[in-house]
C-alpha atoms as a PDB file:
ATOM      1  CA  MET A   1      39.973  36.671  31.731  1.00  0.00           C
ATOM      2  CA  PRO A   2      38.735  33.143  32.621  1.00  0.00           C
ATOM      3  CA  ALA A   3      36.529  32.729  35.692  1.00  0.00           C
ATOM      4  CA  ALA A   4      38.279  31.526  38.819  1.00  0.00           C
ATOM      5  CA  LYS A   5      37.969  27.834  39.624  1.00  0.00           C
ATOM      6  CA  TYR A   6      36.537  27.768  43.096  1.00  0.00           C
ATOM      7  CA  ARG A   7      36.542  24.687  45.304  1.00  0.00           C
ATOM      8  CA  ALA A   8      34.562  25.790  48.361  1.00  0.00           C
ATOM      9  CA  ILE A   9      31.463  27.910  48.975  1.00  0.00           C
ATOM     10  CA  ILE A  10      30.925  29.181  52.514  1.00  0.00           C
ATOM     11  CA  PHE A  11      27.480  30.360  53.625  1.00  0.00           C
ATOM     12  CA  ASP A  12      26.292  32.505  56.487  1.00  0.00           C
ATOM     13  CA  ILE A  13      23.033  31.167  57.982  1.00  0.00           C
ATOM     14  CA  GLY A  14      20.887  34.064  59.219  1.00  0.00           C
ATOM     15  CA  ARG A  15      19.132  35.992  56.430  1.00  0.00           C
ATOM     16  CA  VAL A  16      20.898  33.849  53.822  1.00  0.00           C
ATOM     17  CA  LEU A  17      19.656  30.325  54.521  1.00  0.00           C
ATOM     18  CA  VAL A  18      17.133  31.099  57.268  1.00  0.00           C
ATOM     19  CA  ARG A  19      14.951  34.190  57.692  1.00  0.00           C
ATOM     20  CA  ILE A  20      15.381  35.976  61.005  1.00  0.00           C
ATOM     21  CA  ASP A  21      12.542  37.609  62.961  1.00  0.00           C
ATOM     22  CA  VAL A  22      14.055  39.170  66.069  1.00  0.00           C
ATOM     23  CA  HIS A  23      10.781  40.839  67.062  1.00  0.00           C
ATOM     24  CA  ARG A  24       8.955  37.503  67.249  1.00  0.00           C
ATOM     25  CA  ALA A  25      11.429  36.113  69.763  1.00  0.00           C
ATOM     26  CA  MET A  26      11.826  39.308  71.766  1.00  0.00           C
ATOM     27  CA  ALA A  27       8.042  39.698  72.044  1.00  0.00           C
ATOM     28  CA  GLY A  28       7.981  36.389  73.892  1.00  0.00           C
ATOM     29  CA  LEU A  29      10.657  37.585  76.290  1.00  0.00           C
ATOM     30  CA  ALA A  30       9.116  41.018  76.773  1.00  0.00           C
ATOM     31  CA  GLU A  31       5.773  39.776  78.121  1.00  0.00           C
ATOM     32  CA  ASN A  32       5.070  41.148  81.610  1.00  0.00           C
ATOM     33  CA  THR A  33       8.428  42.983  81.771  1.00  0.00           C
ATOM     34  CA  GLY A  34       7.144  46.477  80.945  1.00  0.00           C
ATOM     35  CA  LEU A  35       9.703  46.659  78.124  1.00  0.00           C
ATOM     36  CA  SER A  36       9.166  46.569  74.372  1.00  0.00           C
ATOM     37  CA  PRO A  37      10.694  43.797  72.227  1.00  0.00           C
ATOM     38  CA  GLU A  38      13.017  46.420  70.731  1.00  0.00           C
ATOM     39  CA  GLU A  39      14.199  47.515  74.175  1.00  0.00           C
ATOM     40  CA  ILE A  40      14.883  43.910  75.190  1.00  0.00           C
ATOM     41  CA  TRP A  41      16.924  43.280  72.027  1.00  0.00           C
ATOM     42  CA  ALA A  42      18.916  46.510  72.320  1.00  0.00           C
ATOM     43  CA  ALA A  43      19.759  45.709  75.939  1.00  0.00           C
ATOM     44  CA  LEU A  44      20.785  42.141  75.102  1.00  0.00           C
ATOM     45  CA  GLU A  45      23.177  43.231  72.355  1.00  0.00           C
ATOM     46  CA  LYS A  46      24.823  45.663  74.770  1.00  0.00           C
ATOM     47  CA  HIS A  47      24.889  43.235  77.699  1.00  0.00           C
ATOM     48  CA  PRO A  48      28.433  42.408  78.960  1.00  0.00           C
ATOM     49  CA  SER A  49      27.792  38.670  78.538  1.00  0.00           C
ATOM     50  CA  TRP A  50      26.547  38.866  74.923  1.00  0.00           C
ATOM     51  CA  LEU A  51      29.925  38.208  73.298  1.00  0.00           C
ATOM     52  CA  ASP A  52      30.654  35.395  75.763  1.00  0.00           C
ATOM     53  CA  TRP A  53      27.328  33.840  74.766  1.00  0.00           C
ATOM     54  CA  GLN A  54      28.037  34.179  71.045  1.00  0.00           C
ATOM     55  CA  GLU A  55      31.587  32.859  71.384  1.00  0.00           C
ATOM     56  CA  GLY A  56      30.832  29.847  73.559  1.00  0.00           C
ATOM     57  CA  ARG A  57      32.136  31.006  76.922  1.00  0.00           C
ATOM     58  CA  MET A  58      28.697  30.820  78.555  1.00  0.00           C
ATOM     59  CA  ALA A  59      26.505  27.732  78.907  1.00  0.00           C
ATOM     60  CA  PRO A  60      22.833  27.892  77.856  1.00  0.00           C
ATOM     61  CA  ARG A  61      21.480  27.673  81.399  1.00  0.00           C
ATOM     62  CA  ASP A  62      23.856  30.404  82.570  1.00  0.00           C
ATOM     63  CA  PHE A  63      22.691  32.629  79.722  1.00  0.00           C
ATOM     64  CA  TYR A  64      19.076  31.864  80.614  1.00  0.00           C
ATOM     65  CA  LEU A  65      19.645  32.790  84.240  1.00  0.00           C
ATOM     66  CA  SER A  66      21.477  35.974  83.257  1.00  0.00           C
ATOM     67  CA  VAL A  67      18.699  37.142  80.913  1.00  0.00           C
ATOM     68  CA  THR A  68      15.762  36.206  83.116  1.00  0.00           C
ATOM     69  CA  LYS A  69      17.324  37.871  86.148  1.00  0.00           C
ATOM     70  CA  ARG A  70      18.262  40.992  84.186  1.00  0.00           C
ATOM     71  CA  PHE A  71      14.718  41.559  82.869  1.00  0.00           C
ATOM     72  CA  GLY A  72      12.582  39.877  85.516  1.00  0.00           C
ATOM     73  CA  ILE A  73      11.426  37.178  83.095  1.00  0.00           C
ATOM     74  CA  THR A  74       9.574  34.245  84.706  1.00  0.00           C
ATOM     75  CA  LEU A  75       9.853  31.654  81.919  1.00  0.00           C
ATOM     76  CA  THR A  76      11.133  28.146  82.660  1.00  0.00           C
ATOM     77  CA  PHE A  77      14.356  27.172  80.904  1.00  0.00           C
ATOM     78  CA  GLU A  78      12.471  24.943  78.452  1.00  0.00           C
ATOM     79  CA  ARG A  79      10.034  27.731  77.608  1.00  0.00           C
ATOM     80  CA  PHE A  80      12.884  30.220  77.289  1.00  0.00           C
ATOM     81  CA  VAL A  81      14.570  27.939  74.727  1.00  0.00           C
ATOM     82  CA  ALA A  82      11.346  27.691  72.705  1.00  0.00           C
ATOM     83  CA  VAL A  83      10.877  31.463  72.742  1.00  0.00           C
ATOM     84  CA  TRP A  84      14.536  32.099  71.906  1.00  0.00           C
ATOM     85  CA  ASN A  85      14.222  29.883  68.824  1.00  0.00           C
ATOM     86  CA  ARG A  86      11.219  31.828  67.506  1.00  0.00           C
ATOM     87  CA  VAL A  87      13.725  34.127  65.819  1.00  0.00           C
ATOM     88  CA  LEU A  88      14.340  31.359  63.257  1.00  0.00           C
ATOM     89  CA  ASP A  89      11.733  31.090  60.501  1.00  0.00           C
ATOM     90  CA  PRO A  90      10.879  27.433  59.790  1.00  0.00           C
ATOM     91  CA  GLU A  91      10.961  27.850  55.991  1.00  0.00           C
ATOM     92  CA  PRO A  92      14.479  27.989  54.508  1.00  0.00           C
ATOM     93  CA  MET A  93      15.334  30.771  52.072  1.00  0.00           C
ATOM     94  CA  LEU A  94      17.256  28.728  49.486  1.00  0.00           C
ATOM     95  CA  ASP A  95      15.862  25.776  47.612  1.00  0.00           C
ATOM     96  CA  GLY A  96      17.304  22.406  48.597  1.00  0.00           C
ATOM     97  CA  SER A  97      17.805  21.354  44.987  1.00  0.00           C
ATOM     98  CA  PHE A  98      19.992  24.422  44.398  1.00  0.00           C
ATOM     99  CA  LEU A  99      22.176  23.565  47.398  1.00  0.00           C
ATOM    100  CA  GLY A 100      22.247  19.914  46.358  1.00  0.00           C
ATOM    101  CA  LYS A 101      23.615  20.822  42.936  1.00  0.00           C
ATOM    102  CA  LEU A 102      26.310  22.982  44.529  1.00  0.00           C
ATOM    103  CA  ALA A 103      27.199  20.208  46.965  1.00  0.00           C
ATOM    104  CA  LYS A 104      27.938  17.832  44.083  1.00  0.00           C
ATOM    105  CA  LYS A 105      30.680  20.115  42.750  1.00  0.00           C
ATOM    106  CA  TYR A 106      31.934  22.166  45.697  1.00  0.00           C
ATOM    107  CA  ARG A 107      32.821  21.833  49.356  1.00  0.00           C
ATOM    108  CA  LEU A 108      30.029  23.569  51.244  1.00  0.00           C
ATOM    109  CA  CYS A 109      30.563  25.116  54.651  1.00  0.00           C
ATOM    110  CA  LEU A 110      28.484  27.098  57.142  1.00  0.00           C
ATOM    111  CA  LEU A 111      30.021  30.094  58.918  1.00  0.00           C
ATOM    112  CA  SER A 112      27.781  31.787  61.466  1.00  0.00           C
ATOM    113  CA  ASN A 113      27.813  33.999  64.527  1.00  0.00           C
ATOM    114  CA  THR A 114      25.391  31.988  66.629  1.00  0.00           C
ATOM    115  CA  ASP A 115      24.770  30.383  69.996  1.00  0.00           C
ATOM    116  CA  PRO A 116      24.346  26.773  71.196  1.00  0.00           C
ATOM    117  CA  ILE A 117      20.561  27.024  71.595  1.00  0.00           C
ATOM    118  CA  HIS A 118      20.137  28.106  68.003  1.00  0.00           C
ATOM    119  CA  VAL A 119      22.662  25.564  66.725  1.00  0.00           C
ATOM    120  CA  ALA A 120      20.753  22.678  68.339  1.00  0.00           C
ATOM    121  CA  HIS A 121      17.449  23.920  66.929  1.00  0.00           C
ATOM    122  CA  LEU A 122      18.837  24.568  63.457  1.00  0.00           C
ATOM    123  CA  GLU A 123      20.535  21.198  63.080  1.00  0.00           C
ATOM    124  CA  ALA A 124      17.430  19.367  64.321  1.00  0.00           C
ATOM    125  CA  ASN A 125      14.905  21.156  62.115  1.00  0.00           C
ATOM    126  CA  TYR A 126      16.400  22.118  58.738  1.00  0.00           C
ATOM    127  CA  ASP A 127      17.060  19.594  55.991  1.00  0.00           C
ATOM    128  CA  PHE A 128      19.695  21.712  54.238  1.00  0.00           C
ATOM    129  CA  PHE A 129      22.299  20.778  56.848  1.00  0.00           C
ATOM    130  CA  ARG A 130      22.879  17.515  55.004  1.00  0.00           C
ATOM    131  CA  PHE A 131      24.615  19.521  52.285  1.00  0.00           C
ATOM    132  CA  PHE A 132      27.065  21.101  54.727  1.00  0.00           C
ATOM    133  CA  PRO A 133      29.670  18.683  56.089  1.00  0.00           C
ATOM    134  CA  HIS A 134      31.697  21.619  57.424  1.00  0.00           C
ATOM    135  CA  ARG A 135      30.088  23.900  60.037  1.00  0.00           C
ATOM    136  CA  ILE A 136      31.892  26.760  61.751  1.00  0.00           C
ATOM    137  CA  TYR A 137      29.907  28.329  64.584  1.00  0.00           C
ATOM    138  CA  SER A 138      31.202  31.234  66.638  1.00  0.00           C
ATOM    139  CA  CYS A 139      30.056  29.499  69.832  1.00  0.00           C
ATOM    140  CA  ALA A 140      32.113  26.424  68.925  1.00  0.00           C
ATOM    141  CA  VAL A 141      35.345  28.055  67.762  1.00  0.00           C
ATOM    142  CA  GLY A 142      35.476  30.844  70.363  1.00  0.00           C
ATOM    143  CA  THR A 143      35.573  33.790  67.976  1.00  0.00           C
ATOM    144  CA  SER A 144      33.098  35.621  65.761  1.00  0.00           C
ATOM    145  CA  LYS A 145      32.851  37.600  62.543  1.00  0.00           C
ATOM    146  CA  PRO A 146      34.524  39.807  61.474  1.00  0.00           C
ATOM    147  CA  ASN A 147      37.575  38.334  63.272  1.00  0.00           C
ATOM    148  CA  PRO A 148      39.855  36.777  60.611  1.00  0.00           C
ATOM    149  CA  LEU A 149      40.270  33.665  62.766  1.00  0.00           C
ATOM    150  CA  ILE A 150      36.741  32.442  62.119  1.00  0.00           C
ATOM    151  CA  TYR A 151      37.155  32.730  58.342  1.00  0.00           C
ATOM    152  CA  ARG A 152      40.465  30.888  58.541  1.00  0.00           C
ATOM    153  CA  ALA A 153      38.729  28.134  60.515  1.00  0.00           C
ATOM    154  CA  ALA A 154      36.304  27.695  57.615  1.00  0.00           C
ATOM    155  CA  LEU A 155      39.140  27.543  55.080  1.00  0.00           C
ATOM    156  CA  GLU A 156      40.949  24.958  57.191  1.00  0.00           C
ATOM    157  CA  ALA A 157      37.790  22.866  57.534  1.00  0.00           C
ATOM    158  CA  CYS A 158      37.328  22.892  53.752  1.00  0.00           C
ATOM    159  CA  LYS A 159      41.057  22.350  53.167  1.00  0.00           C
ATOM    160  CA  VAL A 160      41.275  25.164  50.619  1.00  0.00           C
ATOM    161  CA  ALA A 161      43.247  28.363  50.176  1.00  0.00           C
ATOM    162  CA  ALA A 162      41.487  31.718  50.418  1.00  0.00           C
ATOM    163  CA  GLN A 163      41.519  32.289  46.673  1.00  0.00           C
ATOM    164  CA  ASP A 164      39.698  28.994  46.162  1.00  0.00           C
ATOM    165  CA  ALA A 165      36.680  29.981  48.273  1.00  0.00           C
ATOM    166  CA  ILE A 166      33.561  32.147  48.056  1.00  0.00           C
ATOM    167  CA  TYR A 167      31.865  33.545  51.145  1.00  0.00           C
ATOM    168  CA  ILE A 168      28.190  34.638  51.156  1.00  0.00           C
ATOM    169  CA  ASP A 169      26.753  36.919  53.867  1.00  0.00           C
ATOM    170  CA  ASP A 170      23.877  39.396  54.094  1.00  0.00           C
ATOM    171  CA  ILE A 171      26.084  41.837  56.046  1.00  0.00           C
ATOM    172  CA  ALA A 172      28.425  43.781  53.767  1.00  0.00           C
ATOM    173  CA  ALA A 173      31.062  44.274  56.480  1.00  0.00           C
ATOM    174  CA  TYR A 174      31.346  40.527  57.001  1.00  0.00           C
ATOM    175  CA  ALA A 175      31.691  39.858  53.272  1.00  0.00           C
ATOM    176  CA  GLU A 176      34.348  42.572  53.140  1.00  0.00           C
ATOM    177  CA  ALA A 177      36.230  40.955  56.037  1.00  0.00           C
ATOM    178  CA  ALA A 178      36.387  37.776  53.941  1.00  0.00           C
ATOM    179  CA  ARG A 179      37.650  39.730  50.929  1.00  0.00           C
ATOM    180  CA  ARG A 180      40.489  41.165  52.985  1.00  0.00           C
ATOM    181  CA  LEU A 181      41.726  37.603  53.452  1.00  0.00           C
ATOM    182  CA  GLY A 182      41.553  36.897  49.726  1.00  0.00           C
ATOM    183  CA  ILE A 183      38.192  35.108  49.780  1.00  0.00           C
ATOM    184  CA  ALA A 184      35.642  36.147  47.151  1.00  0.00           C
ATOM    185  CA  GLY A 185      32.853  37.862  49.103  1.00  0.00           C
ATOM    186  CA  ILE A 186      29.229  38.093  47.964  1.00  0.00           C
ATOM    187  CA  VAL A 187      26.633  40.193  49.777  1.00  0.00           C
ATOM    188  CA  PHE A 188      23.381  38.227  49.711  1.00  0.00           C
ATOM    189  CA  GLN A 189      20.238  40.097  48.643  1.00  0.00           C
ATOM    190  CA  SER A 190      17.973  37.400  47.205  1.00  0.00           C
ATOM    191  CA  PRO A 191      18.175  33.824  45.905  1.00  0.00           C
ATOM    192  CA  GLU A 192      17.964  35.133  42.336  1.00  0.00           C
ATOM    193  CA  GLN A 193      20.750  37.671  42.859  1.00  0.00           C
ATOM    194  CA  LEU A 194      22.940  35.018  44.475  1.00  0.00           C
ATOM    195  CA  ALA A 195      22.451  32.563  41.612  1.00  0.00           C
ATOM    196  CA  GLU A 196      23.353  35.274  39.090  1.00  0.00           C
ATOM    197  CA  GLU A 197      26.479  36.321  41.005  1.00  0.00           C
ATOM    198  CA  LEU A 198      27.630  32.726  41.265  1.00  0.00           C
ATOM    199  CA  ARG A 199      27.102  32.229  37.525  1.00  0.00           C
ATOM    200  CA  THR A 200      29.145  35.357  36.848  1.00  0.00           C
ATOM    201  CA  ARG A 201      31.986  33.848  38.877  1.00  0.00           C
ATOM    202  CA  GLY A 202      31.859  30.619  36.904  1.00  0.00           C
ATOM    203  CA  VAL A 203      30.184  28.529  39.606  1.00  0.00           C
ATOM    204  CA  GLU A 204      28.309  25.569  38.131  1.00  0.00           C
ATOM    205  CA  PHE A 205      25.051  24.357  39.605  1.00  0.00           C
ATOM    206  CA  ARG A 206      23.323  22.666  36.747  1.00  0.00           C
ATOM    207  CA  ALA A 207      21.902  19.194  37.196  1.00  0.00           C
ATOM    208  CA  GLU A 208      24.131  16.402  35.967  1.00  0.00           C
END
C-alpha cells in the first residue's frame, strides 16, 4: 500500500519543540510561601481559573493577581512574568535544518495548550517560529486539547482535510484525539524516533 501523501504537519510545542521544566518555574513562585514547587503546581492546575487562563478568558495581569493573592507571593508583575517563563528551556529540541526541510514541502502549524505570557516569550526567543506560518494557541482560539475544535482550527488554518495532516504530540491522549478526527497522530518520544516515524509515513525531508 503506497504511503499517504500528506500536505500539513502540525506540531505541539511543549516537550516536542521546547523542553519543559515545571519545577524551575514553580521554585521561583514557591520562595517564601512555605509551599513546595510541586504543591504550587498541583494547586495551580486545580485552580478554578486555570482553564480560563489556558483558553484566553483571563488577562495576564488578572492571572498574576489571582496567583499572587492565592499563595501570598510578593513578586512584581514583571518578575512574575520572568519566573513564569522559566518553565521554557532556551534550547529547542528539534534542529532548525530539519524543520526547514519540512517547511519546504509541507504546511507547518503549531497547536498548543498555552497562555499569553508563554506565547509572547516563545515567539520572541525561538528561531523555529519562522517555519510555522500557522499557529493555533488555546489562549487565542478559546478552547484546548483534547477538544476537537482546536484540531479543526489547525486544519482550517492549513486549508487541508484531516486525512492530509499529521499531528505530533508528546501526550498520547492528545495524539489519539487527533486520530479520532482522521488526522495521523504521532506520539513524540525523541527527535530520532520522530524522523523515523515520518519516513515510515512517506514524509520527505531531504535537502533539495
